[in-house]
Amino acid sequence: MTSVYTILLCLCTITCILFLASGGGEILYQWCTKKLHEWLNKSERGTPEL
């Protein structure tokens, strides 16, 4: 079972590196900041999603 997670982690890491190398970093950054703002807005209302 552990080897499956290791393989998935490696695939995700490789995909992430290729994505960033192909100029996708800005898109990823914008998506992350959008999600962070959504999460902060939810937590301000008193319903944090963890």
PDB file of N, CA and C in Angstrom:
ATOM      1  N   MET A   1       0.831  -1.201   0.000  1.00  0.00           N
ATOM      2  CA  MET A   1       0.000   0.000   0.000  1.00  0.00           C
ATOM      3  C   MET A   1       0.871   1.259   0.000  1.00  0.00           C
ATOM      4  N   THR A   2       1.961   1.221   0.745  1.00  0.00           N
ATOM      5  CA  THR A   2       2.857   2.375   0.826  1.00  0.00           C
ATOM      6  C   THR A   2       3.479   2.689  -0.531  1.00  0.00           C
ATOM      7  N   SER A   3       3.806   1.653  -1.309  1.00  0.00           N
ATOM      8  CA  SER A   3       4.436   1.861  -2.613  1.00  0.00           C
ATOM      9  C   SER A   3       3.505   2.592  -3.579  1.00  0.00           C
ATOM     10  N   VAL A   4       2.197   2.366  -3.452  1.00  0.00           N
ATOM     11  CA  VAL A   4       1.215   3.050  -4.291  1.00  0.00           C
ATOM     12  C   VAL A   4       1.252   4.549  -4.014  1.00  0.00           C
ATOM     13  N   TYR A   5       1.295   4.908  -2.743  1.00  0.00           N
ATOM     14  CA  TYR A   5       1.372   6.321  -2.361  1.00  0.00           C
ATOM     15  C   TYR A   5       2.684   6.954  -2.828  1.00  0.00           C
ATOM     16  N   THR A   6       3.775   6.190  -2.743  1.00  0.00           N
ATOM     17  CA  THR A   6       5.078   6.683  -3.198  1.00  0.00           C
ATOM     18  C   THR A   6       5.058   6.967  -4.692  1.00  0.00           C
ATOM     19  N   ILE A   7       4.478   6.047  -5.470  1.00  0.00           N
ATOM     20  CA  ILE A   7       4.362   6.221  -6.924  1.00  0.00           C
ATOM     21  C   ILE A   7       3.503   7.439  -7.245  1.00  0.00           C
ATOM     22  N   LEU A   8       2.374   7.575  -6.564  1.00  0.00           N
ATOM     23  CA  LEU A   8       1.494   8.727  -6.776  1.00  0.00           C
ATOM     24  C   LEU A   8       2.198  10.030  -6.437  1.00  0.00           C
ATOM     25  N   LEU A   9       2.937  10.034  -5.340  1.00  0.00           N
ATOM     26  CA  LEU A   9       3.675  11.226  -4.928  1.00  0.00           C
ATOM     27  C   LEU A   9       4.716  11.610  -5.973  1.00  0.00           C
ATOM     28  N   CYS A  10       5.436  10.618  -6.491  1.00  0.00           N
ATOM     29  CA  CYS A  10       6.436  10.866  -7.538  1.00  0.00           C
ATOM     30  C   CYS A  10       5.784  11.417  -8.798  1.00  0.00           C
ATOM     31  N   LEU A  11       4.666  10.834  -9.216  1.00  0.00           N
ATOM     32  CA  LEU A  11       3.943  11.306 -10.397  1.00  0.00           C
ATOM     33  C   LEU A  11       3.472  12.739 -10.217  1.00  0.00           C
ATOM     34  N   CYS A  12       2.937  13.036  -9.047  1.00  0.00           N
ATOM     35  CA  CYS A  12       2.466  14.395  -8.755  1.00  0.00           C
ATOM     36  C   CYS A  12       3.614  15.394  -8.780  1.00  0.00           C
ATOM     37  N   THR A  13       4.744  15.002  -8.203  1.00  0.00           N
ATOM     38  CA  THR A  13       5.919  15.876  -8.169  1.00  0.00           C
ATOM     39  C   THR A  13       6.431  16.153  -9.575  1.00  0.00           C
ATOM     40  N   ILE A  14       6.551  15.106 -10.396  1.00  0.00           N
ATOM     41  CA  ILE A  14       7.018  15.254 -11.778  1.00  0.00           C
ATOM     42  C   ILE A  14       6.064  16.137 -12.574  1.00  0.00           C
ATOM     43  N   THR A  15       4.760  15.886 -12.422  1.00  0.00           N
ATOM     44  CA  THR A  15       3.750  16.683 -13.115  1.00  0.00           C
ATOM     45  C   THR A  15       3.838  18.145 -12.704  1.00  0.00           C
ATOM     46  N   CYS A  16       4.011  18.377 -11.414  1.00  0.00           N
ATOM     47  CA  CYS A  16       4.116  19.736 -10.886  1.00  0.00           C
ATOM     48  C   CYS A  16       5.336  20.449 -11.452  1.00  0.00           C
ATOM     49  N   ILE A  17       6.484  19.774 -11.476  1.00  0.00           N
ATOM     50  CA  ILE A  17       7.719  20.365 -12.007  1.00  0.00           C
ATOM     51  C   ILE A  17       7.554  20.696 -13.492  1.00  0.00           C
ATOM     52  N   LEU A  18       6.993  19.778 -14.264  1.00  0.00           N
ATOM     53  CA  LEU A  18       6.765  20.022 -15.691  1.00  0.00           C
ATOM     54  C   LEU A  18       5.795  21.170 -15.904  1.00  0.00           C
ATOM     55  N   PHE A  19       4.750  21.218 -15.087  1.00  0.00           N
ATOM     56  CA  PHE A  19       3.742  22.277 -15.167  1.00  0.00           C
ATOM     57  C   PHE A  19       4.370  23.641 -14.900  1.00  0.00           C
ATOM     58  N   LEU A  20       5.176  23.726 -13.838  1.00  0.00           N
ATOM     59  CA  LEU A  20       5.855  24.978 -13.499  1.00  0.00           C
ATOM     60  C   LEU A  20       6.878  25.361 -14.567  1.00  0.00           C
ATOM     61  N   ALA A  21       7.580  24.370 -15.109  1.00  0.00           N
ATOM     62  CA  ALA A  21       8.590  24.615 -16.134  1.00  0.00           C
ATOM     63  C   ALA A  21       7.966  25.131 -17.432  1.00  0.00           C
ATOM     64  N   SER A  22       6.735  24.716 -17.707  1.00  0.00           N
ATOM     65  CA  SER A  22       6.053  25.143 -18.929  1.00  0.00           C
ATOM     66  C   SER A  22       5.330  26.477 -18.754  1.00  0.00           C
ATOM     67  N   GLY A  23       5.550  27.159 -17.631  1.00  0.00           N
ATOM     68  CA  GLY A  23       4.981  28.485 -17.418  1.00  0.00           C
ATOM     69  C   GLY A  23       3.637  28.468 -16.728  1.00  0.00           C
ATOM     70  N   GLY A  24       3.295  27.371 -16.076  1.00  0.00           N
ATOM     71  CA  GLY A  24       2.015  27.275 -15.388  1.00  0.00           C
ATOM     72  C   GLY A  24       2.050  27.793 -13.962  1.00  0.00           C
ATOM     73  N   GLY A  25       3.192  28.256 -13.521  1.00  0.00           N
ATOM     74  CA  GLY A  25       3.337  28.737 -12.153  1.00  0.00           C
ATOM     75  C   GLY A  25       2.423  29.892 -11.815  1.00  0.00           C
ATOM     76  N   GLU A  26       2.257  30.808 -12.782  1.00  0.00           N
ATOM     77  CA  GLU A  26       1.411  31.978 -12.543  1.00  0.00           C
ATOM     78  C   GLU A  26      -0.052  31.577 -12.383  1.00  0.00           C
ATOM     79  N   ILE A  27      -0.502  30.625 -13.211  1.00  0.00           N
ATOM     80  CA  ILE A  27      -1.878  30.121 -13.122  1.00  0.00           C
ATOM     81  C   ILE A  27      -2.095  29.451 -11.768  1.00  0.00           C
ATOM     82  N   LEU A  28      -1.131  28.643 -11.361  1.00  0.00           N
ATOM     83  CA  LEU A  28      -1.200  27.944 -10.074  1.00  0.00           C
ATOM     84  C   LEU A  28      -1.226  28.936  -8.920  1.00  0.00           C
ATOM     85  N   TYR A  29      -0.396  29.977  -9.021  1.00  0.00           N
ATOM     86  CA  TYR A  29      -0.344  31.016  -7.980  1.00  0.00           C
ATOM     87  C   TYR A  29      -1.682  31.737  -7.860  1.00  0.00           C
ATOM     88  N   GLN A  30      -2.270  32.093  -9.009  1.00  0.00           N
ATOM     89  CA  GLN A  30      -3.565  32.782  -9.005  1.00  0.00           C
ATOM     90  C   GLN A  30      -4.649  31.900  -8.400  1.00  0.00           C
ATOM     91  N   TRP A  31      -4.639  30.601  -8.737  1.00  0.00           N
ATOM     92  CA  TRP A  31      -5.627  29.667  -8.205  1.00  0.00           C
ATOM     93  C   TRP A  31      -5.467  29.523  -6.692  1.00  0.00           C
ATOM     94  N   CYS A  32      -4.220  29.411  -6.238  1.00  0.00           N
ATOM     95  CA  CYS A  32      -3.946  29.272  -4.803  1.00  0.00           C
ATOM     96  C   CYS A  32      -4.393  30.500  -4.026  1.00  0.00           C
ATOM     97  N   THR A  33      -4.097  31.697  -4.546  1.00  0.00           N
ATOM     98  CA  THR A  33      -4.495  32.921  -3.848  1.00  0.00           C
ATOM     99  C   THR A  33      -6.009  33.053  -3.818  1.00  0.00           C
ATOM    100  N   LYS A  34      -6.675  32.647  -4.902  1.00  0.00           N
ATOM    101  CA  LYS A  34      -8.143  32.678  -4.946  1.00  0.00           C
ATOM    102  C   LYS A  34      -8.727  31.764  -3.877  1.00  0.00           C
ATOM    103  N   LYS A  35      -8.201  30.544  -3.778  1.00  0.00           N
ATOM    104  CA  LYS A  35      -8.661  29.583  -2.774  1.00  0.00           C
ATOM    105  C   LYS A  35      -8.377  30.083  -1.361  1.00  0.00           C
ATOM    106  N   LEU A  36      -7.222  30.708  -1.173  1.00  0.00           N
ATOM    107  CA  LEU A  36      -6.857  31.246   0.134  1.00  0.00           C
ATOM    108  C   LEU A  36      -7.818  32.349   0.555  1.00  0.00           C
ATOM    109  N   HIS A  37      -8.157  33.241  -0.381  1.00  0.00           N
ATOM    110  CA  HIS A  37      -9.117  34.308  -0.088  1.00  0.00           C
ATOM    111  C   HIS A  37     -10.494  33.734   0.264  1.00  0.00           C
ATOM    112  N   GLU A  38     -10.926  32.711  -0.485  1.00  0.00           N
ATOM    113  CA  GLU A  38     -12.210  32.054  -0.197  1.00  0.00           C
ATOM    114  C   GLU A  38     -12.196  31.453   1.208  1.00  0.00           C
ATOM    115  N   TRP A  39     -11.084  30.788   1.552  1.00  0.00           N
ATOM    116  CA  TRP A  39     -10.973  30.152   2.868  1.00  0.00           C
ATOM    117  C   TRP A  39     -10.965  31.195   3.976  1.00  0.00           C
ATOM    118  N   LEU A  40     -10.246  32.295   3.752  1.00  0.00           N
ATOM    119  CA  LEU A  40     -10.201  33.372   4.747  1.00  0.00           C
ATOM    120  C   LEU A  40     -11.574  34.001   4.933  1.00  0.00           C
ATOM    121  N   ASN A  41     -12.307  34.191   3.853  1.00  0.00           N
ATOM    122  CA  ASN A  41     -13.656  34.753   3.937  1.00  0.00           C
ATOM    123  C   ASN A  41     -14.587  33.833   4.721  1.00  0.00           C
ATOM    124  N   LYS A  42     -14.459  32.519   4.504  1.00  0.00           N
ATOM    125  CA  LYS A  42     -15.275  31.544   5.228  1.00  0.00           C
ATOM    126  C   LYS A  42     -14.929  31.541   6.713  1.00  0.00           C
ATOM    127  N   SER A  43     -13.637  31.613   7.033  1.00  0.00           N
ATOM    128  CA  SER A  43     -13.215  31.577   8.437  1.00  0.00           C
ATOM    129  C   SER A  43     -13.618  32.854   9.172  1.00  0.00           C
ATOM    130  N   GLU A  44     -13.711  33.975   8.456  1.00  0.00           N
ATOM    131  CA  GLU A  44     -14.156  35.227   9.076  1.00  0.00           C
ATOM    132  C   GLU A  44     -15.628  35.153   9.475  1.00  0.00           C
ATOM    133  N   ARG A  45     -16.401  34.386   8.721  1.00  0.00           N
ATOM    134  CA  ARG A  45     -17.821  34.213   9.038  1.00  0.00           C
ATOM    135  C   ARG A  45     -18.035  33.252  10.207  1.00  0.00           C
ATOM    136  N   GLY A  46     -16.973  32.600  10.640  1.00  0.00           N
ATOM    137  CA  GLY A  46     -17.064  31.704  11.783  1.00  0.00           C
ATOM    138  C   GLY A  46     -17.279  30.251  11.404  1.00  0.00           C
ATOM    139  N   THR A  47     -17.066  29.915  10.124  1.00  0.00           N
ATOM    140  CA  THR A  47     -17.206  28.525   9.683  1.00  0.00           C
ATOM    141  C   THR A  47     -15.955  28.103   8.917  1.00  0.00           C
ATOM    142  N   PRO A  48     -14.839  27.914   9.625  1.00  0.00           N
ATOM    143  CA  PRO A  48     -13.615  27.491   8.940  1.00  0.00           C
ATOM    144  C   PRO A  48     -13.698  26.048   8.466  1.00  0.00           C
ATOM    145  N   GLU A  49     -13.244  25.804   7.236  1.00  0.00           N
ATOM    146  CA  GLU A  49     -13.212  24.443   6.698  1.00  0.00           C
ATOM    147  C   GLU A  49     -11.779  23.953   6.722  1.00  0.00           C
ATOM    148  N   LEU A  50     -11.527  22.954   7.543  1.00  0.00           N
ATOM    149  CA  LEU A  50     -10.177  22.412   7.654  1.00  0.00           C
ATOM    150  C   LEU A  50     -10.094  21.073   6.965  1.00  0.00           C
TER     151      LEU A  50
END
